[in-house]
mmCIF file of all heavy atoms, coordinates in Angstrom:
data_MODEL
# 
_entry.id   MODEL 
# 
loop_
_atom_site.group_PDB 
_atom_site.id 
_atom_site.type_symbol 
_atom_site.label_atom_id 
_atom_site.label_alt_id 
_atom_site.label_comp_id 
_atom_site.label_asym_id 
_atom_site.label_entity_id 
_atom_site.label_seq_id 
_atom_site.pdbx_PDB_ins_code 
_atom_site.Cartn_x 
_atom_site.Cartn_y 
_atom_site.Cartn_z 
_atom_site.occupancy 
_atom_site.B_iso_or_equiv 
_atom_site.pdbx_formal_charge 
_atom_site.auth_seq_id 
_atom_site.auth_comp_id 
_atom_site.auth_asym_id 
_atom_site.auth_atom_id 
_atom_site.pdbx_PDB_model_num 
ATOM 1   N N   . GLY A 1 1  ? 1.927  14.352  3.268   1.00 0.00 ? 1  GLY A N   1 
ATOM 2   C CA  . GLY A 1 1  ? 2.053  15.414  2.125   1.00 0.00 ? 1  GLY A CA  1 
ATOM 3   C C   . GLY A 1 1  ? 2.771  14.808  0.965   1.00 0.00 ? 1  GLY A C   1 
ATOM 4   O O   . GLY A 1 1  ? 2.327  14.966  -0.149  1.00 0.00 ? 1  GLY A O   1 
ATOM 5   N N   . PHE A 1 2  ? 3.971  14.076  1.154   1.00 0.00 ? 2  PHE A N   1 
ATOM 6   C CA  . PHE A 1 2  ? 4.710  13.667  0.087   1.00 0.00 ? 2  PHE A CA  1 
ATOM 7   C C   . PHE A 1 2  ? 3.988  12.504  -0.634  1.00 0.00 ? 2  PHE A C   1 
ATOM 8   O O   . PHE A 1 2  ? 3.943  12.458  -1.880  1.00 0.00 ? 2  PHE A O   1 
ATOM 9   C CB  . PHE A 1 2  ? 6.035  13.158  0.383   1.00 0.00 ? 2  PHE A CB  1 
ATOM 10  C CG  . PHE A 1 2  ? 7.062  14.190  0.531   1.00 0.00 ? 2  PHE A CG  1 
ATOM 11  C CD1 . PHE A 1 2  ? 7.475  14.788  1.698   1.00 0.00 ? 2  PHE A CD1 1 
ATOM 12  C CD2 . PHE A 1 2  ? 7.791  14.605  -0.707  1.00 0.00 ? 2  PHE A CD2 1 
ATOM 13  C CE1 . PHE A 1 2  ? 8.485  15.737  1.669   1.00 0.00 ? 2  PHE A CE1 1 
ATOM 14  C CE2 . PHE A 1 2  ? 8.715  15.665  -0.730  1.00 0.00 ? 2  PHE A CE2 1 
ATOM 15  C CZ  . PHE A 1 2  ? 9.022  16.165  0.600   1.00 0.00 ? 2  PHE A CZ  1 
ATOM 16  N N   . ALA A 1 3  ? 3.264  11.803  0.050   1.00 0.00 ? 3  ALA A N   1 
ATOM 17  C CA  . ALA A 1 3  ? 2.516  10.655  -0.474  1.00 0.00 ? 3  ALA A CA  1 
ATOM 18  C C   . ALA A 1 3  ? 1.388  11.256  -1.483  1.00 0.00 ? 3  ALA A C   1 
ATOM 19  O O   . ALA A 1 3  ? 1.010  10.564  -2.449  1.00 0.00 ? 3  ALA A O   1 
ATOM 20  C CB  . ALA A 1 3  ? 1.860  9.709   0.559   1.00 0.00 ? 3  ALA A CB  1 
ATOM 21  N N   . HIS A 1 4  ? 0.803  12.313  -1.074  1.00 0.00 ? 4  HIS A N   1 
ATOM 22  C CA  . HIS A 1 4  ? -0.288 13.019  -1.778  1.00 0.00 ? 4  HIS A CA  1 
ATOM 23  C C   . HIS A 1 4  ? 0.328  13.623  -3.021  1.00 0.00 ? 4  HIS A C   1 
ATOM 24  O O   . HIS A 1 4  ? -0.391 13.601  -4.143  1.00 0.00 ? 4  HIS A O   1 
ATOM 25  C CB  . HIS A 1 4  ? -0.952 14.062  -0.987  1.00 0.00 ? 4  HIS A CB  1 
ATOM 26  C CG  . HIS A 1 4  ? -2.154 14.777  -1.655  1.00 0.00 ? 4  HIS A CG  1 
ATOM 27  N ND1 . HIS A 1 4  ? -3.268 14.118  -2.007  1.00 0.00 ? 4  HIS A ND1 1 
ATOM 28  C CD2 . HIS A 1 4  ? -2.222 16.057  -2.110  1.00 0.00 ? 4  HIS A CD2 1 
ATOM 29  C CE1 . HIS A 1 4  ? -4.056 15.040  -2.594  1.00 0.00 ? 4  HIS A CE1 1 
ATOM 30  N NE2 . HIS A 1 4  ? -3.452 16.088  -2.756  1.00 0.00 ? 4  HIS A NE2 1 
ATOM 31  N N   . LEU A 1 5  ? 1.522  14.109  -2.944  1.00 0.00 ? 5  LEU A N   1 
ATOM 32  C CA  . LEU A 1 5  ? 2.084  14.773  -4.150  1.00 0.00 ? 5  LEU A CA  1 
ATOM 33  C C   . LEU A 1 5  ? 2.610  13.781  -5.074  1.00 0.00 ? 5  LEU A C   1 
ATOM 34  O O   . LEU A 1 5  ? 2.369  14.028  -6.362  1.00 0.00 ? 5  LEU A O   1 
ATOM 35  C CB  . LEU A 1 5  ? 3.348  15.685  -3.648  1.00 0.00 ? 5  LEU A CB  1 
ATOM 36  C CG  . LEU A 1 5  ? 2.764  16.972  -2.878  1.00 0.00 ? 5  LEU A CG  1 
ATOM 37  C CD1 . LEU A 1 5  ? 4.109  17.768  -2.276  1.00 0.00 ? 5  LEU A CD1 1 
ATOM 38  C CD2 . LEU A 1 5  ? 1.995  17.807  -3.822  1.00 0.00 ? 5  LEU A CD2 1 
ATOM 39  N N   . ILE A 1 6  ? 3.355  12.783  -4.664  1.00 0.00 ? 6  ILE A N   1 
ATOM 40  C CA  . ILE A 1 6  ? 4.068  11.874  -5.729  1.00 0.00 ? 6  ILE A CA  1 
ATOM 41  C C   . ILE A 1 6  ? 3.327  10.649  -6.021  1.00 0.00 ? 6  ILE A C   1 
ATOM 42  O O   . ILE A 1 6  ? 3.735  9.839   -6.833  1.00 0.00 ? 6  ILE A O   1 
ATOM 43  C CB  . ILE A 1 6  ? 5.487  11.510  -5.174  1.00 0.00 ? 6  ILE A CB  1 
ATOM 44  C CG1 . ILE A 1 6  ? 5.420  10.681  -3.924  1.00 0.00 ? 6  ILE A CG1 1 
ATOM 45  C CG2 . ILE A 1 6  ? 6.291  12.809  -4.928  1.00 0.00 ? 6  ILE A CG2 1 
ATOM 46  C CD1 . ILE A 1 6  ? 6.820  10.258  -3.390  1.00 0.00 ? 6  ILE A CD1 1 
ATOM 47  N N   . ASN A 1 7  ? 2.248  10.400  -5.215  1.00 0.00 ? 7  ASN A N   1 
ATOM 48  C CA  . ASN A 1 7  ? 1.432  9.194   -5.358  1.00 0.00 ? 7  ASN A CA  1 
ATOM 49  C C   . ASN A 1 7  ? 2.263  7.797   -5.480  1.00 0.00 ? 7  ASN A C   1 
ATOM 50  O O   . ASN A 1 7  ? 2.302  7.289   -6.675  1.00 0.00 ? 7  ASN A O   1 
ATOM 51  C CB  . ASN A 1 7  ? 0.555  9.323   -6.678  1.00 0.00 ? 7  ASN A CB  1 
ATOM 52  C CG  . ASN A 1 7  ? -0.518 10.515  -6.511  1.00 0.00 ? 7  ASN A CG  1 
ATOM 53  O OD1 . ASN A 1 7  ? -1.110 10.566  -5.414  1.00 0.00 ? 7  ASN A OD1 1 
ATOM 54  N ND2 . ASN A 1 7  ? -0.766 11.148  -7.560  1.00 0.00 ? 7  ASN A ND2 1 
ATOM 55  N N   . PRO A 1 8  ? 2.964  7.413   -4.403  1.00 0.00 ? 8  PRO A N   1 
ATOM 56  C CA  . PRO A 1 8  ? 3.814  6.271   -4.552  1.00 0.00 ? 8  PRO A CA  1 
ATOM 57  C C   . PRO A 1 8  ? 2.911  5.092   -4.858  1.00 0.00 ? 8  PRO A C   1 
ATOM 58  O O   . PRO A 1 8  ? 1.870  4.852   -4.399  1.00 0.00 ? 8  PRO A O   1 
ATOM 59  C CB  . PRO A 1 8  ? 4.357  6.074   -3.162  1.00 0.00 ? 8  PRO A CB  1 
ATOM 60  C CG  . PRO A 1 8  ? 3.521  6.821   -2.303  1.00 0.00 ? 8  PRO A CG  1 
ATOM 61  C CD  . PRO A 1 8  ? 2.835  7.912   -3.084  1.00 0.00 ? 8  PRO A CD  1 
ATOM 62  N N   . GLY A 1 9  ? 3.510  4.191   -5.780  1.00 0.00 ? 9  GLY A N   1 
ATOM 63  C CA  . GLY A 1 9  ? 2.801  2.982   -6.194  1.00 0.00 ? 9  GLY A CA  1 
ATOM 64  C C   . GLY A 1 9  ? 2.113  3.183   -7.602  1.00 0.00 ? 9  GLY A C   1 
ATOM 65  O O   . GLY A 1 9  ? 1.696  2.076   -8.096  1.00 0.00 ? 9  GLY A O   1 
ATOM 66  N N   . VAL A 1 10 ? 1.979  4.354   -7.991  1.00 0.00 ? 10 VAL A N   1 
ATOM 67  C CA  . VAL A 1 10 ? 1.199  4.491   -9.327  1.00 0.00 ? 10 VAL A CA  1 
ATOM 68  C C   . VAL A 1 10 ? 2.252  3.915   -10.354 1.00 0.00 ? 10 VAL A C   1 
ATOM 69  O O   . VAL A 1 10 ? 3.396  4.125   -10.402 1.00 0.00 ? 10 VAL A O   1 
ATOM 70  C CB  . VAL A 1 10 ? 1.067  6.026   -9.577  1.00 0.00 ? 10 VAL A CB  1 
ATOM 71  C CG1 . VAL A 1 10 ? 0.556  6.220   -11.052 1.00 0.00 ? 10 VAL A CG1 1 
ATOM 72  C CG2 . VAL A 1 10 ? 0.075  6.601   -8.569  1.00 0.00 ? 10 VAL A CG2 1 
ATOM 73  N N   . GLY A 1 11 ? 1.720  3.138   -11.198 1.00 0.00 ? 11 GLY A N   1 
ATOM 74  C CA  . GLY A 1 11 ? 2.405  2.426   -12.322 1.00 0.00 ? 11 GLY A CA  1 
ATOM 75  C C   . GLY A 1 11 ? 2.955  0.983   -12.022 1.00 0.00 ? 11 GLY A C   1 
ATOM 76  O O   . GLY A 1 11 ? 3.370  0.323   -12.764 1.00 0.00 ? 11 GLY A O   1 
ATOM 77  N N   . LEU A 1 12 ? 2.773  0.679   -10.648 1.00 0.00 ? 12 LEU A N   1 
ATOM 78  C CA  . LEU A 1 12 ? 3.083  -0.745  -10.256 1.00 0.00 ? 12 LEU A CA  1 
ATOM 79  C C   . LEU A 1 12 ? 2.359  -1.785  -10.893 1.00 0.00 ? 12 LEU A C   1 
ATOM 80  O O   . LEU A 1 12 ? 2.721  -2.963  -10.879 1.00 0.00 ? 12 LEU A O   1 
ATOM 81  C CB  . LEU A 1 12 ? 3.205  -0.778  -8.712  1.00 0.00 ? 12 LEU A CB  1 
ATOM 82  C CG  . LEU A 1 12 ? 4.262  0.003   -8.010  1.00 0.00 ? 12 LEU A CG  1 
ATOM 83  C CD1 . LEU A 1 12 ? 4.123  -0.215  -6.503  1.00 0.00 ? 12 LEU A CD1 1 
ATOM 84  C CD2 . LEU A 1 12 ? 5.723  -0.422  -8.499  1.00 0.00 ? 12 LEU A CD2 1 
ATOM 85  N N   . ALA A 1 13 ? 1.104  -1.452  -11.248 1.00 0.00 ? 13 ALA A N   1 
ATOM 86  C CA  . ALA A 1 13 ? 0.209  -2.419  -11.851 1.00 0.00 ? 13 ALA A CA  1 
ATOM 87  C C   . ALA A 1 13 ? 0.796  -3.097  -13.090 1.00 0.00 ? 13 ALA A C   1 
ATOM 88  O O   . ALA A 1 13 ? 0.538  -4.210  -13.553 1.00 0.00 ? 13 ALA A O   1 
ATOM 89  C CB  . ALA A 1 13 ? -1.132 -1.856  -12.223 1.00 0.00 ? 13 ALA A CB  1 
ATOM 90  N N   . ASP A 1 14 ? 1.756  -2.302  -13.803 1.00 0.00 ? 14 ASP A N   1 
ATOM 91  C CA  . ASP A 1 14 ? 2.347  -2.831  -14.989 1.00 0.00 ? 14 ASP A CA  1 
ATOM 92  C C   . ASP A 1 14 ? 3.564  -3.683  -14.743 1.00 0.00 ? 14 ASP A C   1 
ATOM 93  O O   . ASP A 1 14 ? 4.006  -4.312  -15.635 1.00 0.00 ? 14 ASP A O   1 
ATOM 94  C CB  . ASP A 1 14 ? 2.705  -1.665  -15.848 1.00 0.00 ? 14 ASP A CB  1 
ATOM 95  C CG  . ASP A 1 14 ? 1.513  -0.742  -16.364 1.00 0.00 ? 14 ASP A CG  1 
ATOM 96  O OD1 . ASP A 1 14 ? 0.345  -1.342  -16.462 1.00 0.00 ? 14 ASP A OD1 1 
ATOM 97  O OD2 . ASP A 1 14 ? 1.651  0.472   -16.501 1.00 0.00 ? 14 ASP A OD2 1 
ATOM 98  N N   . LEU A 1 15 ? 3.878  -3.765  -13.424 1.00 0.00 ? 15 LEU A N   1 
ATOM 99  C CA  . LEU A 1 15 ? 5.100  -4.594  -13.100 1.00 0.00 ? 15 LEU A CA  1 
ATOM 100 C C   . LEU A 1 15 ? 4.724  -5.849  -12.892 1.00 0.00 ? 15 LEU A C   1 
ATOM 101 O O   . LEU A 1 15 ? 3.657  -6.302  -12.434 1.00 0.00 ? 15 LEU A O   1 
ATOM 102 C CB  . LEU A 1 15 ? 5.867  -3.934  -11.920 1.00 0.00 ? 15 LEU A CB  1 
ATOM 103 C CG  . LEU A 1 15 ? 6.397  -2.626  -12.197 1.00 0.00 ? 15 LEU A CG  1 
ATOM 104 C CD1 . LEU A 1 15 ? 7.046  -2.051  -10.857 1.00 0.00 ? 15 LEU A CD1 1 
ATOM 105 C CD2 . LEU A 1 15 ? 7.328  -2.577  -13.348 1.00 0.00 ? 15 LEU A CD2 1 
ATOM 106 N N   . PRO A 1 16 ? 5.688  -6.910  -13.017 1.00 0.00 ? 16 PRO A N   1 
ATOM 107 C CA  . PRO A 1 16 ? 5.267  -8.343  -12.805 1.00 0.00 ? 16 PRO A CA  1 
ATOM 108 C C   . PRO A 1 16 ? 5.258  -8.674  -11.327 1.00 0.00 ? 16 PRO A C   1 
ATOM 109 O O   . PRO A 1 16 ? 6.323  -9.304  -10.883 1.00 0.00 ? 16 PRO A O   1 
ATOM 110 C CB  . PRO A 1 16 ? 6.381  -9.079  -13.582 1.00 0.00 ? 16 PRO A CB  1 
ATOM 111 C CG  . PRO A 1 16 ? 7.690  -8.272  -13.466 1.00 0.00 ? 16 PRO A CG  1 
ATOM 112 C CD  . PRO A 1 16 ? 7.021  -6.842  -13.651 1.00 0.00 ? 16 PRO A CD  1 
ATOM 113 N N   . LEU A 1 17 ? 4.319  -8.248  -10.595 1.00 0.00 ? 17 LEU A N   1 
ATOM 114 C CA  . LEU A 1 17 ? 4.217  -8.482  -9.192  1.00 0.00 ? 17 LEU A CA  1 
ATOM 115 C C   . LEU A 1 17 ? 3.387  -9.811  -8.884  1.00 0.00 ? 17 LEU A C   1 
ATOM 116 O O   . LEU A 1 17 ? 2.561  -10.173 -9.659  1.00 0.00 ? 17 LEU A O   1 
ATOM 117 C CB  . LEU A 1 17 ? 3.643  -7.319  -8.470  1.00 0.00 ? 17 LEU A CB  1 
ATOM 118 C CG  . LEU A 1 17 ? 4.477  -5.995  -8.520  1.00 0.00 ? 17 LEU A CG  1 
ATOM 119 C CD1 . LEU A 1 17 ? 3.573  -4.792  -7.847  1.00 0.00 ? 17 LEU A CD1 1 
ATOM 120 C CD2 . LEU A 1 17 ? 5.845  -6.047  -8.052  1.00 0.00 ? 17 LEU A CD2 1 
ATOM 121 N N   . GLY A 1 18 ? 3.674  -10.414 -7.804  1.00 0.00 ? 18 GLY A N   1 
ATOM 122 C CA  . GLY A 1 18 ? 2.910  -11.518 -7.440  1.00 0.00 ? 18 GLY A CA  1 
ATOM 123 C C   . GLY A 1 18 ? 1.503  -11.083 -6.731  1.00 0.00 ? 18 GLY A C   1 
ATOM 124 O O   . GLY A 1 18 ? 1.240  -9.930  -6.708  1.00 0.00 ? 18 GLY A O   1 
ATOM 125 N N   . GLU A 1 19 ? 0.952  -12.138 -6.257  1.00 0.00 ? 19 GLU A N   1 
ATOM 126 C CA  . GLU A 1 19 ? -0.388 -11.857 -5.601  1.00 0.00 ? 19 GLU A CA  1 
ATOM 127 C C   . GLU A 1 19 ? -0.253 -10.948 -4.360  1.00 0.00 ? 19 GLU A C   1 
ATOM 128 O O   . GLU A 1 19 ? 0.625  -11.378 -3.519  1.00 0.00 ? 19 GLU A O   1 
ATOM 129 C CB  . GLU A 1 19 ? -1.056 -13.140 -5.287  1.00 0.00 ? 19 GLU A CB  1 
ATOM 130 C CG  . GLU A 1 19 ? -2.452 -12.841 -4.782  1.00 0.00 ? 19 GLU A CG  1 
ATOM 131 C CD  . GLU A 1 19 ? -3.164 -14.200 -4.368  1.00 0.00 ? 19 GLU A CD  1 
ATOM 132 O OE1 . GLU A 1 19 ? -2.576 -15.254 -4.735  1.00 0.00 ? 19 GLU A OE1 1 
ATOM 133 O OE2 . GLU A 1 19 ? -4.233 -14.268 -3.839  1.00 0.00 ? 19 GLU A OE2 1 
ATOM 134 N N   . VAL A 1 20 ? -1.025 -9.921  -4.156  1.00 0.00 ? 20 VAL A N   1 
ATOM 135 C CA  . VAL A 1 20 ? -0.917 -9.049  -3.031  1.00 0.00 ? 20 VAL A CA  1 
ATOM 136 C C   . VAL A 1 20 ? -2.093 -9.230  -2.155  1.00 0.00 ? 20 VAL A C   1 
ATOM 137 O O   . VAL A 1 20 ? -3.194 -9.209  -2.629  1.00 0.00 ? 20 VAL A O   1 
ATOM 138 C CB  . VAL A 1 20 ? -0.871 -7.624  -3.518  1.00 0.00 ? 20 VAL A CB  1 
ATOM 139 C CG1 . VAL A 1 20 ? -0.721 -6.710  -2.309  1.00 0.00 ? 20 VAL A CG1 1 
ATOM 140 C CG2 . VAL A 1 20 ? 0.422  -7.302  -4.419  1.00 0.00 ? 20 VAL A CG2 1 
ATOM 141 N N   . LYS A 1 21 ? -1.743 -9.531  -0.909  1.00 0.00 ? 21 LYS A N   1 
ATOM 142 C CA  . LYS A 1 21 ? -2.868 -9.802  0.016   1.00 0.00 ? 21 LYS A CA  1 
ATOM 143 C C   . LYS A 1 21 ? -3.015 -8.639  0.977   1.00 0.00 ? 21 LYS A C   1 
ATOM 144 O O   . LYS A 1 21 ? -2.066 -8.116  1.428   1.00 0.00 ? 21 LYS A O   1 
ATOM 145 C CB  . LYS A 1 21 ? -2.613 -11.097 0.808   1.00 0.00 ? 21 LYS A CB  1 
ATOM 146 C CG  . LYS A 1 21 ? -2.525 -12.385 0.047   1.00 0.00 ? 21 LYS A CG  1 
ATOM 147 C CD  . LYS A 1 21 ? -2.275 -13.563 0.992   1.00 0.00 ? 21 LYS A CD  1 
ATOM 148 C CE  . LYS A 1 21 ? -2.328 -14.792 0.211   1.00 0.00 ? 21 LYS A CE  1 
ATOM 149 N NZ  . LYS A 1 21 ? -2.022 -16.079 1.100   1.00 0.00 ? 21 LYS A NZ  1 
ATOM 150 N N   . ALA A 1 22 ? -4.130 -8.301  1.164   1.00 0.00 ? 22 ALA A N   1 
ATOM 151 C CA  . ALA A 1 22 ? -4.472 -7.026  2.007   1.00 0.00 ? 22 ALA A CA  1 
ATOM 152 C C   . ALA A 1 22 ? -4.192 -7.400  3.504   1.00 0.00 ? 22 ALA A C   1 
ATOM 153 O O   . ALA A 1 22 ? -4.472 -8.467  3.999   1.00 0.00 ? 22 ALA A O   1 
ATOM 154 C CB  . ALA A 1 22 ? -5.937 -6.566  2.029   1.00 0.00 ? 22 ALA A CB  1 
ATOM 155 N N   . ARG A 1 23 ? -3.456 -6.533  4.108   1.00 0.00 ? 23 ARG A N   1 
ATOM 156 C CA  . ARG A 1 23 ? -3.138 -6.695  5.610   1.00 0.00 ? 23 ARG A CA  1 
ATOM 157 C C   . ARG A 1 23 ? -4.279 -6.200  6.482   1.00 0.00 ? 23 ARG A C   1 
ATOM 158 O O   . ARG A 1 23 ? -4.832 -5.281  6.189   1.00 0.00 ? 23 ARG A O   1 
ATOM 159 C CB  . ARG A 1 23 ? -1.878 -6.021  5.926   1.00 0.00 ? 23 ARG A CB  1 
ATOM 160 C CG  . ARG A 1 23 ? -0.724 -6.423  5.173   1.00 0.00 ? 23 ARG A CG  1 
ATOM 161 C CD  . ARG A 1 23 ? 0.591  -5.858  5.636   1.00 0.00 ? 23 ARG A CD  1 
ATOM 162 N NE  . ARG A 1 23 ? 0.811  -5.939  7.065   1.00 0.00 ? 23 ARG A NE  1 
ATOM 163 C CZ  . ARG A 1 23 ? 1.766  -5.404  7.708   1.00 0.00 ? 23 ARG A CZ  1 
ATOM 164 N NH1 . ARG A 1 23 ? 2.822  -4.621  7.239   1.00 0.00 ? 23 ARG A NH1 1 
ATOM 165 N NH2 . ARG A 1 23 ? 2.037  -5.639  9.022   1.00 0.00 ? 23 ARG A NH2 1 
ATOM 166 N N   . GLU A 1 24 ? -4.439 -7.015  7.508   1.00 0.00 ? 24 GLU A N   1 
ATOM 167 C CA  . GLU A 1 24 ? -5.302 -6.626  8.467   1.00 0.00 ? 24 GLU A CA  1 
ATOM 168 C C   . GLU A 1 24 ? -4.927 -5.412  9.361   1.00 0.00 ? 24 GLU A C   1 
ATOM 169 O O   . GLU A 1 24 ? -3.791 -5.521  10.004  1.00 0.00 ? 24 GLU A O   1 
ATOM 170 C CB  . GLU A 1 24 ? -5.717 -7.838  9.369   1.00 0.00 ? 24 GLU A CB  1 
ATOM 171 C CG  . GLU A 1 24 ? -6.847 -7.441  10.391  1.00 0.00 ? 24 GLU A CG  1 
ATOM 172 C CD  . GLU A 1 24 ? -7.183 -8.740  11.327  1.00 0.00 ? 24 GLU A CD  1 
ATOM 173 O OE1 . GLU A 1 24 ? -6.695 -9.736  11.020  1.00 0.00 ? 24 GLU A OE1 1 
ATOM 174 O OE2 . GLU A 1 24 ? -7.898 -8.565  12.290  1.00 0.00 ? 24 GLU A OE2 1 
ATOM 175 N N   . ILE A 1 25 ? -5.574 -4.379  9.466   1.00 0.00 ? 25 ILE A N   1 
ATOM 176 C CA  . ILE A 1 25 ? -5.096 -3.220  10.281  1.00 0.00 ? 25 ILE A CA  1 
ATOM 177 C C   . ILE A 1 25 ? -5.384 -3.496  11.673  1.00 0.00 ? 25 ILE A C   1 
ATOM 178 O O   . ILE A 1 25 ? -6.685 -3.701  12.066  1.00 0.00 ? 25 ILE A O   1 
ATOM 179 C CB  . ILE A 1 25 ? -5.834 -1.956  9.768   1.00 0.00 ? 25 ILE A CB  1 
ATOM 180 C CG1 . ILE A 1 25 ? -5.490 -1.667  8.254   1.00 0.00 ? 25 ILE A CG1 1 
ATOM 181 C CG2 . ILE A 1 25 ? -5.360 -0.694  10.510  1.00 0.00 ? 25 ILE A CG2 1 
ATOM 182 C CD1 . ILE A 1 25 ? -6.085 -0.442  7.668   1.00 0.00 ? 25 ILE A CD1 1 
ATOM 183 N N   . PRO A 1 26 ? -4.559 -3.392  12.584  1.00 0.00 ? 26 PRO A N   1 
ATOM 184 C CA  . PRO A 1 26 ? -4.765 -3.612  14.062  1.00 0.00 ? 26 PRO A CA  1 
ATOM 185 C C   . PRO A 1 26 ? -5.482 -2.459  14.664  1.00 0.00 ? 26 PRO A C   1 
ATOM 186 O O   . PRO A 1 26 ? -5.406 -1.307  14.157  1.00 0.00 ? 26 PRO A O   1 
ATOM 187 C CB  . PRO A 1 26 ? -3.333 -3.860  14.717  1.00 0.00 ? 26 PRO A CB  1 
ATOM 188 C CG  . PRO A 1 26 ? -2.463 -3.082  13.804  1.00 0.00 ? 26 PRO A CG  1 
ATOM 189 C CD  . PRO A 1 26 ? -3.029 -3.237  12.364  1.00 0.00 ? 26 PRO A CD  1 
ATOM 190 N N   . THR A 1 27 ? -6.241 -2.744  15.762  1.00 0.00 ? 27 THR A N   1 
ATOM 191 C CA  . THR A 1 27 ? -6.906 -1.703  16.485  1.00 0.00 ? 27 THR A CA  1 
ATOM 192 C C   . THR A 1 27 ? -5.975 -0.909  17.256  1.00 0.00 ? 27 THR A C   1 
ATOM 193 O O   . THR A 1 27 ? -4.879 -1.470  17.662  1.00 0.00 ? 27 THR A O   1 
ATOM 194 C CB  . THR A 1 27 ? -8.066 -2.259  17.302  1.00 0.00 ? 27 THR A CB  1 
ATOM 195 O OG1 . THR A 1 27 ? -7.429 -3.118  18.206  1.00 0.00 ? 27 THR A OG1 1 
ATOM 196 C CG2 . THR A 1 27 ? -9.006 -3.045  16.447  1.00 0.00 ? 27 THR A CG2 1 
ATOM 197 N N   . PRO A 1 28 ? -6.272 0.357   17.730  1.00 0.00 ? 28 PRO A N   1 
ATOM 198 C CA  . PRO A 1 28 ? -5.412 0.929   18.580  1.00 0.00 ? 28 PRO A CA  1 
ATOM 199 C C   . PRO A 1 28 ? -4.990 0.241   19.861  1.00 0.00 ? 28 PRO A C   1 
ATOM 200 O O   . PRO A 1 28 ? -3.900 0.337   20.396  1.00 0.00 ? 28 PRO A O   1 
ATOM 201 C CB  . PRO A 1 28 ? -6.216 2.331   18.942  1.00 0.00 ? 28 PRO A CB  1 
ATOM 202 C CG  . PRO A 1 28 ? -7.063 2.552   17.811  1.00 0.00 ? 28 PRO A CG  1 
ATOM 203 C CD  . PRO A 1 28 ? -7.447 1.077   17.406  1.00 0.00 ? 28 PRO A CD  1 
ATOM 204 N N   . LEU A 1 29 ? -6.003 -0.567  20.441  1.00 0.00 ? 29 LEU A N   1 
ATOM 205 C CA  . LEU A 1 29 ? -5.721 -1.439  21.622  1.00 0.00 ? 29 LEU A CA  1 
ATOM 206 C C   . LEU A 1 29 ? -4.716 -2.496  21.327  1.00 0.00 ? 29 LEU A C   1 
ATOM 207 O O   . LEU A 1 29 ? -3.803 -2.711  22.135  1.00 0.00 ? 29 LEU A O   1 
ATOM 208 C CB  . LEU A 1 29 ? -7.027 -1.955  22.222  1.00 0.00 ? 29 LEU A CB  1 
ATOM 209 C CG  . LEU A 1 29 ? -6.786 -2.904  23.465  1.00 0.00 ? 29 LEU A CG  1 
ATOM 210 C CD1 . LEU A 1 29 ? -6.273 -2.000  24.557  1.00 0.00 ? 29 LEU A CD1 1 
ATOM 211 C CD2 . LEU A 1 29 ? -8.254 -3.463  23.775  1.00 0.00 ? 29 LEU A CD2 1 
ATOM 212 N N   . GLN A 1 30 ? -4.751 -3.001  20.248  1.00 0.00 ? 30 GLN A N   1 
ATOM 213 C CA  . GLN A 1 30 ? -3.905 -4.161  19.886  1.00 0.00 ? 30 GLN A CA  1 
ATOM 214 C C   . GLN A 1 30 ? -2.487 -3.544  19.693  1.00 0.00 ? 30 GLN A C   1 
ATOM 215 O O   . GLN A 1 30 ? -1.464 -4.145  19.980  1.00 0.00 ? 30 GLN A O   1 
ATOM 216 C CB  . GLN A 1 30 ? -4.280 -4.808  18.460  1.00 0.00 ? 30 GLN A CB  1 
ATOM 217 C CG  . GLN A 1 30 ? -5.615 -5.634  18.759  1.00 0.00 ? 30 GLN A CG  1 
ATOM 218 C CD  . GLN A 1 30 ? -6.073 -6.163  17.340  1.00 0.00 ? 30 GLN A CD  1 
ATOM 219 O OE1 . GLN A 1 30 ? -6.000 -5.477  16.282  1.00 0.00 ? 30 GLN A OE1 1 
ATOM 220 N NE2 . GLN A 1 30 ? -6.581 -7.398  17.417  1.00 0.00 ? 30 GLN A NE2 1 
ATOM 221 N N   . VAL A 1 31 ? -2.449 -2.273  19.105  1.00 0.00 ? 31 VAL A N   1 
ATOM 222 C CA  . VAL A 1 31 ? -1.038 -1.573  18.918  1.00 0.00 ? 31 VAL A CA  1 
ATOM 223 C C   . VAL A 1 31 ? -0.426 -1.341  20.261  1.00 0.00 ? 31 VAL A C   1 
ATOM 224 O O   . VAL A 1 31 ? 0.644  -1.640  20.467  1.00 0.00 ? 31 VAL A O   1 
ATOM 225 C CB  . VAL A 1 31 ? -1.248 -0.273  18.112  1.00 0.00 ? 31 VAL A CB  1 
ATOM 226 C CG1 . VAL A 1 31 ? 0.084  0.406   18.067  1.00 0.00 ? 31 VAL A CG1 1 
ATOM 227 C CG2 . VAL A 1 31 ? -1.707 -0.577  16.682  1.00 0.00 ? 31 VAL A CG2 1 
# 
């Protein structure tokens, strides 16, 4: 709910961040 309201991460595109790699989401069995 809070993530939907405040949209965390909005505006970070303007910050000097390094390369971001997408993380692999584990399956429920792996968890």
